């Protein structure tokens, strides 16, 4: 039996009992589905565009190093934008 106190996010603990090849296929299908849904939502009207893309990337990052690198870059970029916005707001800019 697997240790339930591991560092993985809770939804992935359900998949932890599966063979690695099956888990990887499921994570890949779910991650790509979320990214495609987010990409489709960009051209369709509605508010849910970026969250599914980020969720799909986060899911893929649990199995693929390339997705983990993209996730880190995105996280760094979001932090830079947040810092720029909060600094500008504190100085009284628009």
C-alpha atoms as a PDB file:
ATOM      1  CA  UNK A   1       0.000   0.000   0.000  1.00  0.00           C
ATOM      2  CA  UNK A   2       1.238   3.505  -0.796  1.00  0.00           C
ATOM      3  CA  UNK A   3       1.895   6.096   1.891  1.00  0.00           C
ATOM      4  CA  UNK A   4      -1.014   8.558   1.990  1.00  0.00           C
ATOM      5  CA  UNK A   5       1.157  11.343   3.408  1.00  0.00           C
ATOM      6  CA  UNK A   6       3.213  11.801   0.253  1.00  0.00           C
ATOM      7  CA  UNK A   7       3.709  15.209  -1.382  1.00  0.00           C
ATOM      8  CA  UNK A   8       1.455  14.676  -4.407  1.00  0.00           C
ATOM      9  CA  UNK A   9      -1.747  16.680  -4.781  1.00  0.00           C
ATOM     10  CA  UNK A  10      -4.773  14.751  -3.516  1.00  0.00           C
ATOM     11  CA  UNK A  11      -6.390  13.915  -6.920  1.00  0.00           C
ATOM     12  CA  UNK A  12      -3.217  12.163  -8.040  1.00  0.00           C
ATOM     13  CA  UNK A  13      -3.221   9.898  -4.976  1.00  0.00           C
ATOM     14  CA  UNK A  14      -6.179   8.095  -6.562  1.00  0.00           C
ATOM     15  CA  UNK A  15      -4.007   7.341  -9.571  1.00  0.00           C
ATOM     16  CA  UNK A  16      -1.024   6.245  -7.480  1.00  0.00           C
ATOM     17  CA  UNK A  17      -2.275   2.658  -7.192  1.00  0.00           C
ATOM     18  CA  UNK A  18      -2.297   2.224 -10.962  1.00  0.00           C
ATOM     19  CA  UNK A  19       0.608   0.947 -13.014  1.00  0.00           C
ATOM     20  CA  UNK A  20       2.912   3.774 -14.119  1.00  0.00           C
ATOM     21  CA  UNK A  21       2.152   3.323 -17.829  1.00  0.00           C
ATOM     22  CA  UNK A  22      -1.619   3.522 -17.282  1.00  0.00           C
ATOM     23  CA  UNK A  23      -1.273   6.538 -14.986  1.00  0.00           C
ATOM     24  CA  UNK A  24       0.927   8.331 -17.518  1.00  0.00           C
ATOM     25  CA  UNK A  25      -1.597   7.751 -20.315  1.00  0.00           C
ATOM     26  CA  UNK A  26      -4.495   8.982 -18.152  1.00  0.00           C
ATOM     27  CA  UNK A  27      -2.587  12.077 -17.024  1.00  0.00           C
ATOM     28  CA  UNK A  28      -1.589  12.807 -20.617  1.00  0.00           C
ATOM     29  CA  UNK A  29      -5.143  12.484 -21.932  1.00  0.00           C
ATOM     30  CA  UNK A  30      -6.626  14.602 -19.120  1.00  0.00           C
ATOM     31  CA  UNK A  31      -3.897  17.266 -19.357  1.00  0.00           C
ATOM     32  CA  UNK A  32      -4.123  17.606 -23.132  1.00  0.00           C
ATOM     33  CA  UNK A  33      -7.933  17.699 -22.912  1.00  0.00           C
ATOM     34  CA  UNK A  34      -7.771  20.610 -20.452  1.00  0.00           C
ATOM     35  CA  UNK A  35      -5.264  22.503 -22.609  1.00  0.00           C
ATOM     36  CA  UNK A  36      -7.355  21.995 -25.758  1.00  0.00           C
ATOM     37  CA  UNK A  37     -10.525  23.066 -23.905  1.00  0.00           C
ATOM     38  CA  UNK A  38      -8.746  26.215 -22.750  1.00  0.00           C
ATOM     39  CA  UNK A  39      -7.463  26.928 -26.253  1.00  0.00           C
ATOM     40  CA  UNK A  40     -10.970  26.493 -27.684  1.00  0.00           C
ATOM     41  CA  UNK A  41     -12.356  28.765 -24.961  1.00  0.00           C
ATOM     42  CA  UNK A  42      -9.981  31.528 -26.099  1.00  0.00           C
ATOM     43  CA  UNK A  43     -11.910  31.899 -29.366  1.00  0.00           C
ATOM     44  CA  UNK A  44     -15.356  31.212 -27.884  1.00  0.00           C
ATOM     45  CA  UNK A  45     -17.149  33.737 -25.667  1.00  0.00           C
ATOM     46  CA  UNK A  46     -16.868  33.120 -21.954  1.00  0.00           C
ATOM     47  CA  UNK A  47     -14.630  33.697 -18.964  1.00  0.00           C
ATOM     48  CA  UNK A  48     -12.883  30.299 -18.703  1.00  0.00           C
ATOM     49  CA  UNK A  49      -9.882  30.604 -20.999  1.00  0.00           C
ATOM     50  CA  UNK A  50      -6.620  30.510 -19.071  1.00  0.00           C
ATOM     51  CA  UNK A  51      -7.523  28.383 -15.987  1.00  0.00           C
ATOM     52  CA  UNK A  52      -8.013  25.123 -17.950  1.00  0.00           C
ATOM     53  CA  UNK A  53      -4.724  25.682 -19.766  1.00  0.00           C
ATOM     54  CA  UNK A  54      -2.891  26.203 -16.476  1.00  0.00           C
ATOM     55  CA  UNK A  55      -4.639  23.204 -14.893  1.00  0.00           C
ATOM     56  CA  UNK A  56      -3.700  20.999 -17.849  1.00  0.00           C
ATOM     57  CA  UNK A  57      -0.111  22.172 -17.658  1.00  0.00           C
ATOM     58  CA  UNK A  58      -0.011  21.496 -13.902  1.00  0.00           C
ATOM     59  CA  UNK A  59      -1.407  18.018 -14.473  1.00  0.00           C
ATOM     60  CA  UNK A  60       1.115  17.254 -17.208  1.00  0.00           C
ATOM     61  CA  UNK A  61       3.901  18.575 -14.958  1.00  0.00           C
ATOM     62  CA  UNK A  62       3.278  15.665 -12.596  1.00  0.00           C
ATOM     63  CA  UNK A  63       4.543  13.251 -15.259  1.00  0.00           C
ATOM     64  CA  UNK A  64       6.662  15.230 -17.739  1.00  0.00           C
ATOM     65  CA  UNK A  65       9.786  17.300 -17.111  1.00  0.00           C
ATOM     66  CA  UNK A  66       9.124  19.586 -20.127  1.00  0.00           C
ATOM     67  CA  UNK A  67       5.739  20.539 -18.665  1.00  0.00           C
ATOM     68  CA  UNK A  68       7.346  21.161 -15.268  1.00  0.00           C
ATOM     69  CA  UNK A  69       9.820  23.573 -16.898  1.00  0.00           C
ATOM     70  CA  UNK A  70       6.970  25.415 -18.671  1.00  0.00           C
ATOM     71  CA  UNK A  71       5.037  25.541 -15.419  1.00  0.00           C
ATOM     72  CA  UNK A  72       8.004  27.101 -13.619  1.00  0.00           C
ATOM     73  CA  UNK A  73       8.429  29.677 -16.391  1.00  0.00           C
ATOM     74  CA  UNK A  74       4.738  30.537 -16.305  1.00  0.00           C
ATOM     75  CA  UNK A  75       4.819  30.807 -12.508  1.00  0.00           C
ATOM     76  CA  UNK A  76       7.856  33.088 -12.683  1.00  0.00           C
ATOM     77  CA  UNK A  77       6.240  35.272 -15.335  1.00  0.00           C
ATOM     78  CA  UNK A  78       2.968  35.535 -13.393  1.00  0.00           C
ATOM     79  CA  UNK A  79       4.917  36.554 -10.300  1.00  0.00           C
ATOM     80  CA  UNK A  80       6.771  39.253 -12.296  1.00  0.00           C
ATOM     81  CA  UNK A  81       3.508  40.651 -13.663  1.00  0.00           C
ATOM     82  CA  UNK A  82       1.909  40.585 -10.197  1.00  0.00           C
ATOM     83  CA  UNK A  83       4.884  42.404  -8.683  1.00  0.00           C
ATOM     84  CA  UNK A  84       4.814  45.006 -11.460  1.00  0.00           C
ATOM     85  CA  UNK A  85       1.090  45.614 -10.993  1.00  0.00           C
ATOM     86  CA  UNK A  86       1.281  45.865  -7.196  1.00  0.00           C
ATOM     87  CA  UNK A  87       4.313  48.179  -7.351  1.00  0.00           C
ATOM     88  CA  UNK A  88       2.594  50.412  -9.874  1.00  0.00           C
ATOM     89  CA  UNK A  89      -0.603  50.468  -7.798  1.00  0.00           C
ATOM     90  CA  UNK A  90       1.294  51.432  -4.635  1.00  0.00           C
ATOM     91  CA  UNK A  91       2.987  54.329  -6.434  1.00  0.00           C
ATOM     92  CA  UNK A  92      -0.392  55.680  -7.516  1.00  0.00           C
ATOM     93  CA  UNK A  93      -0.167  54.695 -11.168  1.00  0.00           C
ATOM     94  CA  UNK A  94      -3.077  53.394 -13.157  1.00  0.00           C
END
